[in-house]
Amino acid sequence: MAREDDAMPDIADVTMVDVLRAVADPIRLRIVQTLADGLPHGKCGTHWDFGVHKSTMTHHFRTLRDAGLTRTVVAGRTHTIELRRDELDARFPGLIDALTGAPARSSVGLGGSPADQPGR
């Protein structure tokens, strides 16, 4: 039976400063960009071949989890990591889209009316 890692902070306790500090590292930003596809990813795999030691990747995964960006799900000996996308989008609208370079999911609350947007 799968369980969530209980070291993950409550989303209400996650601050913008903690999130931005966590993604300031280029490897952690790449991890978030990889996880933005919405799928759970195993902690081991070629998609994490960033040219650093496994222990360094473990540190980056822990930093992202402690900052509230990710959750780790444990099922037996398998650990998967996933972005807390829905919770983060509710708490910080548009932030994940800005970090990943994706178009915003919704323009509600992200800059006012279409007339306020650049180029209009």
N, C-alpha and C. Protein backbone atom coordinates (compact mmCIF):
# COMPACT_ATOMS: atom_id res chain seq x y z
N MET A 1 0.84 -1.18 0.00
CA MET A 1 0.00 0.00 0.00
C MET A 1 0.88 1.25 0.00
N ALA A 2 0.55 2.19 -0.83
CA ALA A 2 1.33 3.42 -0.95
C ALA A 2 0.99 4.37 0.20
N ARG A 3 1.98 5.13 0.60
CA ARG A 3 1.76 6.15 1.62
C ARG A 3 2.51 7.40 1.21
N GLU A 4 2.00 8.55 1.66
CA GLU A 4 2.70 9.80 1.39
C GLU A 4 3.74 10.02 2.46
N ASP A 5 4.84 10.62 2.06
CA ASP A 5 5.90 10.96 3.00
C ASP A 5 5.37 12.05 3.93
N ASP A 6 5.48 11.84 5.24
CA ASP A 6 4.90 12.79 6.18
C ASP A 6 5.79 13.98 6.49
N ALA A 7 6.93 14.12 5.84
CA ALA A 7 7.80 15.28 6.07
C ALA A 7 7.38 16.49 5.24
N MET A 8 6.37 16.32 4.40
CA MET A 8 5.91 17.40 3.52
C MET A 8 5.14 18.44 4.35
N PRO A 9 5.46 19.73 4.21
CA PRO A 9 4.74 20.75 4.99
C PRO A 9 3.31 20.97 4.47
N ASP A 10 2.46 21.43 5.36
CA ASP A 10 1.11 21.81 4.97
C ASP A 10 1.22 22.98 3.99
N ILE A 11 0.39 22.99 2.97
CA ILE A 11 0.49 24.03 1.93
C ILE A 11 0.26 25.43 2.52
N ALA A 12 -0.49 25.54 3.59
CA ALA A 12 -0.73 26.84 4.22
C ALA A 12 0.55 27.41 4.84
N ASP A 13 1.51 26.53 5.15
CA ASP A 13 2.76 26.97 5.75
C ASP A 13 3.85 27.25 4.72
N VAL A 14 3.57 26.98 3.45
CA VAL A 14 4.55 27.19 2.38
C VAL A 14 4.56 28.67 2.02
N THR A 15 5.76 29.25 1.99
CA THR A 15 5.88 30.68 1.65
C THR A 15 6.53 30.84 0.28
N MET A 16 6.26 31.95 -0.33
CA MET A 16 6.86 32.26 -1.63
C MET A 16 8.39 32.30 -1.52
N VAL A 17 8.89 32.83 -0.42
CA VAL A 17 10.34 32.90 -0.22
C VAL A 17 10.95 31.50 -0.21
N ASP A 18 10.31 30.56 0.49
CA ASP A 18 10.81 29.18 0.53
C ASP A 18 10.81 28.55 -0.85
N VAL A 19 9.73 28.77 -1.60
CA VAL A 19 9.61 28.20 -2.94
C VAL A 19 10.69 28.78 -3.86
N LEU A 20 10.83 30.09 -3.86
CA LEU A 20 11.83 30.72 -4.74
C LEU A 20 13.25 30.36 -4.34
N ARG A 21 13.49 30.24 -3.05
CA ARG A 21 14.82 29.83 -2.59
C ARG A 21 15.13 28.41 -3.10
N ALA A 22 14.14 27.53 -3.05
CA ALA A 22 14.33 26.15 -3.48
C ALA A 22 14.61 26.06 -4.98
N VAL A 23 13.90 26.83 -5.79
CA VAL A 23 14.09 26.73 -7.25
C VAL A 23 15.20 27.63 -7.76
N ALA A 24 15.88 28.35 -6.87
CA ALA A 24 17.00 29.19 -7.30
C ALA A 24 18.17 28.35 -7.80
N ASP A 25 18.25 27.10 -7.35
CA ASP A 25 19.29 26.20 -7.84
C ASP A 25 18.88 25.65 -9.20
N PRO A 26 19.75 25.70 -10.20
CA PRO A 26 19.38 25.26 -11.55
C PRO A 26 18.93 23.80 -11.63
N ILE A 27 19.51 22.93 -10.84
CA ILE A 27 19.10 21.52 -10.87
C ILE A 27 17.70 21.36 -10.30
N ARG A 28 17.42 22.05 -9.21
CA ARG A 28 16.08 21.95 -8.63
C ARG A 28 15.04 22.55 -9.56
N LEU A 29 15.38 23.62 -10.25
CA LEU A 29 14.45 24.19 -11.23
C LEU A 29 14.18 23.17 -12.34
N ARG A 30 15.21 22.48 -12.81
CA ARG A 30 15.02 21.45 -13.84
C ARG A 30 14.16 20.30 -13.32
N ILE A 31 14.30 19.95 -12.05
CA ILE A 31 13.45 18.91 -11.46
C ILE A 31 11.99 19.36 -11.50
N VAL A 32 11.72 20.59 -11.09
CA VAL A 32 10.35 21.12 -11.12
C VAL A 32 9.82 21.13 -12.55
N GLN A 33 10.63 21.54 -13.50
CA GLN A 33 10.20 21.56 -14.90
C GLN A 33 9.89 20.15 -15.39
N THR A 34 10.65 19.16 -14.98
CA THR A 34 10.38 17.77 -15.35
C THR A 34 9.08 17.29 -14.73
N LEU A 35 8.86 17.62 -13.46
CA LEU A 35 7.67 17.17 -12.75
C LEU A 35 6.40 17.91 -13.19
N ALA A 36 6.55 19.01 -13.89
CA ALA A 36 5.39 19.81 -14.30
C ALA A 36 4.50 19.07 -15.29
N ASP A 37 4.96 17.93 -15.81
CA ASP A 37 4.11 17.16 -16.73
C ASP A 37 2.94 16.50 -16.00
N GLY A 38 2.95 16.57 -14.65
CA GLY A 38 1.83 16.05 -13.87
C GLY A 38 1.92 14.58 -13.52
N LEU A 39 2.94 13.91 -13.99
CA LEU A 39 3.09 12.48 -13.74
C LEU A 39 4.01 12.25 -12.55
N PRO A 40 3.77 11.18 -11.79
CA PRO A 40 4.74 10.82 -10.76
C PRO A 40 5.97 10.22 -11.42
N HIS A 41 7.14 10.57 -10.94
CA HIS A 41 8.40 10.08 -11.50
C HIS A 41 9.15 9.33 -10.41
N GLY A 42 9.69 8.18 -10.76
CA GLY A 42 10.53 7.45 -9.82
C GLY A 42 11.75 8.28 -9.48
N LYS A 43 12.23 8.12 -8.26
CA LYS A 43 13.41 8.88 -7.85
C LYS A 43 14.67 8.41 -8.56
N CYS A 44 14.61 7.22 -9.13
CA CYS A 44 15.74 6.70 -9.92
C CYS A 44 15.28 6.65 -11.38
N GLY A 45 16.13 7.03 -12.28
CA GLY A 45 15.79 6.97 -13.69
C GLY A 45 16.64 7.89 -14.52
N THR A 46 16.62 7.66 -15.80
CA THR A 46 17.44 8.47 -16.71
C THR A 46 16.95 9.91 -16.81
N HIS A 47 15.67 10.15 -16.49
CA HIS A 47 15.17 11.53 -16.54
C HIS A 47 15.84 12.41 -15.49
N TRP A 48 16.56 11.82 -14.53
CA TRP A 48 17.29 12.59 -13.52
C TRP A 48 18.79 12.57 -13.78
N ASP A 49 19.21 12.29 -14.98
CA ASP A 49 20.63 12.23 -15.31
C ASP A 49 21.15 13.66 -15.52
N PHE A 50 21.41 14.35 -14.41
CA PHE A 50 21.86 15.74 -14.44
C PHE A 50 23.35 15.86 -14.21
N GLY A 51 24.06 14.74 -14.21
CA GLY A 51 25.51 14.78 -14.06
C GLY A 51 25.99 15.02 -12.65
N VAL A 52 25.17 14.69 -11.65
CA VAL A 52 25.58 14.82 -10.26
C VAL A 52 25.39 13.47 -9.56
N HIS A 53 26.01 13.31 -8.40
CA HIS A 53 25.91 12.06 -7.65
C HIS A 53 24.49 11.83 -7.14
N LYS A 54 24.17 10.57 -6.89
CA LYS A 54 22.86 10.20 -6.37
C LYS A 54 22.58 10.90 -5.04
N SER A 55 23.60 11.03 -4.20
CA SER A 55 23.42 11.71 -2.91
C SER A 55 23.07 13.19 -3.10
N THR A 56 23.61 13.80 -4.13
CA THR A 56 23.28 15.20 -4.43
C THR A 56 21.84 15.31 -4.89
N MET A 57 21.39 14.37 -5.71
CA MET A 57 19.98 14.38 -6.15
C MET A 57 19.06 14.18 -4.95
N THR A 58 19.45 13.31 -4.03
CA THR A 58 18.65 13.10 -2.81
C THR A 58 18.51 14.41 -2.05
N HIS A 59 19.60 15.17 -1.95
CA HIS A 59 19.56 16.47 -1.28
C HIS A 59 18.59 17.41 -2.00
N HIS A 60 18.65 17.45 -3.33
CA HIS A 60 17.75 18.33 -4.09
C HIS A 60 16.29 17.92 -3.92
N PHE A 61 16.01 16.62 -3.97
CA PHE A 61 14.63 16.14 -3.76
C PHE A 61 14.13 16.54 -2.37
N ARG A 62 14.97 16.38 -1.36
CA ARG A 62 14.58 16.73 0.01
C ARG A 62 14.33 18.23 0.13
N THR A 63 15.18 19.05 -0.48
CA THR A 63 15.01 20.50 -0.43
C THR A 63 13.68 20.92 -1.04
N LEU A 64 13.33 20.33 -2.18
CA LEU A 64 12.05 20.65 -2.84
C LEU A 64 10.87 20.20 -1.98
N ARG A 65 10.98 19.02 -1.36
CA ARG A 65 9.91 18.53 -0.50
C ARG A 65 9.77 19.43 0.73
N ASP A 66 10.89 19.77 1.37
CA ASP A 66 10.85 20.62 2.56
C ASP A 66 10.30 22.01 2.26
N ALA A 67 10.50 22.50 1.03
CA ALA A 67 9.98 23.81 0.64
C ALA A 67 8.50 23.74 0.28
N GLY A 68 7.95 22.53 0.18
CA GLY A 68 6.53 22.36 -0.11
C GLY A 68 6.19 22.19 -1.57
N LEU A 69 7.20 22.06 -2.43
CA LEU A 69 6.94 21.93 -3.87
C LEU A 69 6.56 20.53 -4.31
N THR A 70 7.07 19.53 -3.62
CA THR A 70 6.85 18.15 -4.07
C THR A 70 6.33 17.28 -2.94
N ARG A 71 5.83 16.12 -3.33
CA ARG A 71 5.47 15.08 -2.38
C ARG A 71 6.15 13.80 -2.84
N THR A 72 6.51 12.97 -1.89
CA THR A 72 7.10 11.68 -2.18
C THR A 72 6.10 10.61 -1.74
N VAL A 73 5.81 9.69 -2.64
CA VAL A 73 4.91 8.59 -2.33
C VAL A 73 5.74 7.31 -2.29
N VAL A 74 5.60 6.59 -1.18
CA VAL A 74 6.38 5.38 -0.97
C VAL A 74 5.45 4.19 -1.08
N ALA A 75 5.81 3.25 -1.96
CA ALA A 75 5.08 1.99 -2.11
C ALA A 75 6.11 0.87 -2.08
N GLY A 76 6.24 0.24 -0.92
CA GLY A 76 7.28 -0.77 -0.77
C GLY A 76 8.65 -0.13 -0.85
N ARG A 77 9.45 -0.61 -1.81
CA ARG A 77 10.79 -0.05 -2.00
C ARG A 77 10.82 1.01 -3.08
N THR A 78 9.66 1.32 -3.66
CA THR A 78 9.58 2.29 -4.74
C THR A 78 9.18 3.65 -4.18
N HIS A 79 9.96 4.65 -4.54
CA HIS A 79 9.67 6.02 -4.13
C HIS A 79 9.41 6.83 -5.40
N THR A 80 8.26 7.48 -5.46
CA THR A 80 7.98 8.38 -6.58
C THR A 80 7.85 9.79 -6.04
N ILE A 81 8.17 10.72 -6.90
CA ILE A 81 8.10 12.13 -6.54
C ILE A 81 7.16 12.81 -7.53
N GLU A 82 6.35 13.71 -7.02
CA GLU A 82 5.43 14.45 -7.89
C GLU A 82 5.30 15.88 -7.39
N LEU A 83 5.00 16.76 -8.31
CA LEU A 83 4.80 18.17 -8.01
C LEU A 83 3.43 18.34 -7.36
N ARG A 84 3.35 19.17 -6.37
CA ARG A 84 2.07 19.47 -5.72
C ARG A 84 1.36 20.56 -6.52
N ARG A 85 1.15 20.28 -7.78
CA ARG A 85 0.71 21.28 -8.76
C ARG A 85 -0.59 21.97 -8.37
N ASP A 86 -1.64 21.20 -8.10
CA ASP A 86 -2.94 21.82 -7.80
C ASP A 86 -2.87 22.69 -6.55
N GLU A 87 -2.19 22.21 -5.52
CA GLU A 87 -2.07 22.98 -4.29
C GLU A 87 -1.25 24.26 -4.51
N LEU A 88 -0.16 24.13 -5.27
CA LEU A 88 0.69 25.30 -5.54
C LEU A 88 -0.02 26.30 -6.44
N ASP A 89 -0.78 25.82 -7.43
CA ASP A 89 -1.54 26.74 -8.29
C ASP A 89 -2.59 27.50 -7.49
N ALA A 90 -3.20 26.84 -6.51
CA ALA A 90 -4.20 27.51 -5.68
C ALA A 90 -3.54 28.54 -4.76
N ARG A 91 -2.37 28.20 -4.22
CA ARG A 91 -1.69 29.10 -3.28
C ARG A 91 -0.96 30.25 -3.98
N PHE A 92 -0.30 29.94 -5.10
CA PHE A 92 0.49 30.92 -5.85
C PHE A 92 0.10 30.85 -7.33
N PRO A 93 -1.04 31.41 -7.71
CA PRO A 93 -1.50 31.29 -9.11
C PRO A 93 -0.46 31.78 -10.11
N GLY A 94 -0.19 30.94 -11.09
CA GLY A 94 0.71 31.30 -12.18
C GLY A 94 2.18 31.04 -11.91
N LEU A 95 2.55 30.72 -10.68
CA LEU A 95 3.96 30.54 -10.35
C LEU A 95 4.59 29.37 -11.10
N ILE A 96 3.96 28.22 -11.08
CA ILE A 96 4.54 27.04 -11.74
C ILE A 96 4.61 27.28 -13.24
N ASP A 97 3.60 27.89 -13.81
CA ASP A 97 3.66 28.22 -15.25
C ASP A 97 4.83 29.15 -15.54
N ALA A 98 5.07 30.12 -14.67
CA ALA A 98 6.19 31.04 -14.87
C ALA A 98 7.53 30.31 -14.76
N LEU A 99 7.62 29.36 -13.83
CA LEU A 99 8.87 28.62 -13.65
C LEU A 99 9.14 27.65 -14.78
N THR A 100 8.09 27.14 -15.39
CA THR A 100 8.26 26.14 -16.44
C THR A 100 8.20 26.73 -17.83
N GLY A 101 7.80 27.99 -17.94
CA GLY A 101 7.69 28.62 -19.25
C GLY A 101 6.43 28.22 -19.98
N ALA A 102 5.49 27.60 -19.27
CA ALA A 102 4.23 27.17 -19.88
C ALA A 102 3.25 28.33 -19.89
N PRO A 103 2.33 28.32 -20.87
CA PRO A 103 1.28 29.34 -20.85
C PRO A 103 0.41 29.15 -19.62
N ALA A 104 -0.07 30.24 -19.06
CA ALA A 104 -0.89 30.18 -17.86
C ALA A 104 -2.13 29.35 -18.11
N ARG A 105 -2.53 28.58 -17.10
CA ARG A 105 -3.73 27.74 -17.20
C ARG A 105 -5.00 28.58 -17.24
N SER A 106 -4.97 29.70 -16.53
CA SER A 106 -6.14 30.56 -16.45
C SER A 106 -5.67 31.98 -16.24
N SER A 107 -6.37 32.94 -16.81
CA SER A 107 -5.97 34.34 -16.64
C SER A 107 -6.66 34.98 -15.45
N VAL A 108 -7.54 34.24 -14.75
CA VAL A 108 -8.24 34.79 -13.61
C VAL A 108 -7.25 35.11 -12.50
N GLY A 109 -7.22 36.35 -12.09
CA GLY A 109 -6.35 36.77 -11.02
C GLY A 109 -4.88 36.90 -11.41
N LEU A 110 -4.58 36.84 -12.68
CA LEU A 110 -3.17 36.90 -13.09
C LEU A 110 -2.87 38.15 -13.91
N GLY A 111 -3.39 39.26 -13.53
CA GLY A 111 -3.02 40.47 -14.24
C GLY A 111 -4.21 41.28 -14.70
N GLY A 112 -5.37 40.96 -14.22
CA GLY A 112 -6.54 41.76 -14.53
C GLY A 112 -7.18 41.40 -15.85
N SER A 113 -7.78 42.39 -16.49
CA SER A 113 -8.51 42.15 -17.72
C SER A 113 -7.55 41.98 -18.89
N PRO A 114 -8.04 41.40 -20.01
CA PRO A 114 -7.18 41.25 -21.18
C PRO A 114 -6.60 42.56 -21.67
N ALA A 115 -7.30 43.68 -21.44
CA ALA A 115 -6.80 44.97 -21.87
C ALA A 115 -5.55 45.37 -21.10
N ASP A 116 -5.38 44.80 -19.89
CA ASP A 116 -4.19 45.09 -19.09
C ASP A 116 -2.97 44.30 -19.51
N GLN A 117 -3.14 43.32 -20.39
CA GLN A 117 -2.04 42.45 -20.79
C GLN A 117 -1.17 43.17 -21.84
N PRO A 118 0.14 42.93 -21.81
CA PRO A 118 1.03 43.55 -22.78
C PRO A 118 0.67 43.14 -24.19
N GLY A 119 0.80 44.06 -25.11
CA GLY A 119 0.55 43.77 -26.53
C GLY A 119 -0.91 43.87 -26.92
N ARG A 120 -1.74 44.36 -26.05
CA ARG A 120 -3.17 44.49 -26.38
C ARG A 120 -3.57 45.92 -26.44
